[in-house]
């Protein structure tokens, strides 16, 4: 089910308007993204090489999401000789979740997505279902920030 080919013109049109409103082309051309979540977790992501520094507490993981065995772990800025697999998995889980929410509006046309229109307060809203396990398989209705993007797109 990863390569879903469903087509809904109205949903796709709205998704394209959203991508234009959030300047998706600029996102695609951005190599590095740095952010934090709740001042507890910090990220520096090299999108081009798909490597991310993920840090929390006194731990920092230089995470290679597509080759986790290449990841390195630092405790108190000291590199560990052997990366703790549980820490690498935790870094992967954190990165997968937090980066998804950061870039979700840019993933509207990723493989495995199904876009439909739902009415929310008598207005069209974009409903996106992510069918791949790594992309949160539950159905997501984009909340306030997505409605704001829709409002920008329809002005």
Foldseek 3Di string as FASTA:
>chain_A
DQQDDDDDPVQVVLLVLLCVLVVLVVVVVDQWDWDADPVAWTWIAGNVQGWMWIDGDQKTKRANLVCRCPIWIDGNNHTDPHHDVVVSVVSNVVCLVVVCVVCVSSCCPPGQKDWDWDADPNDTFIKIARCDPSNPRDIDGDPDVRVVSSVSSVD
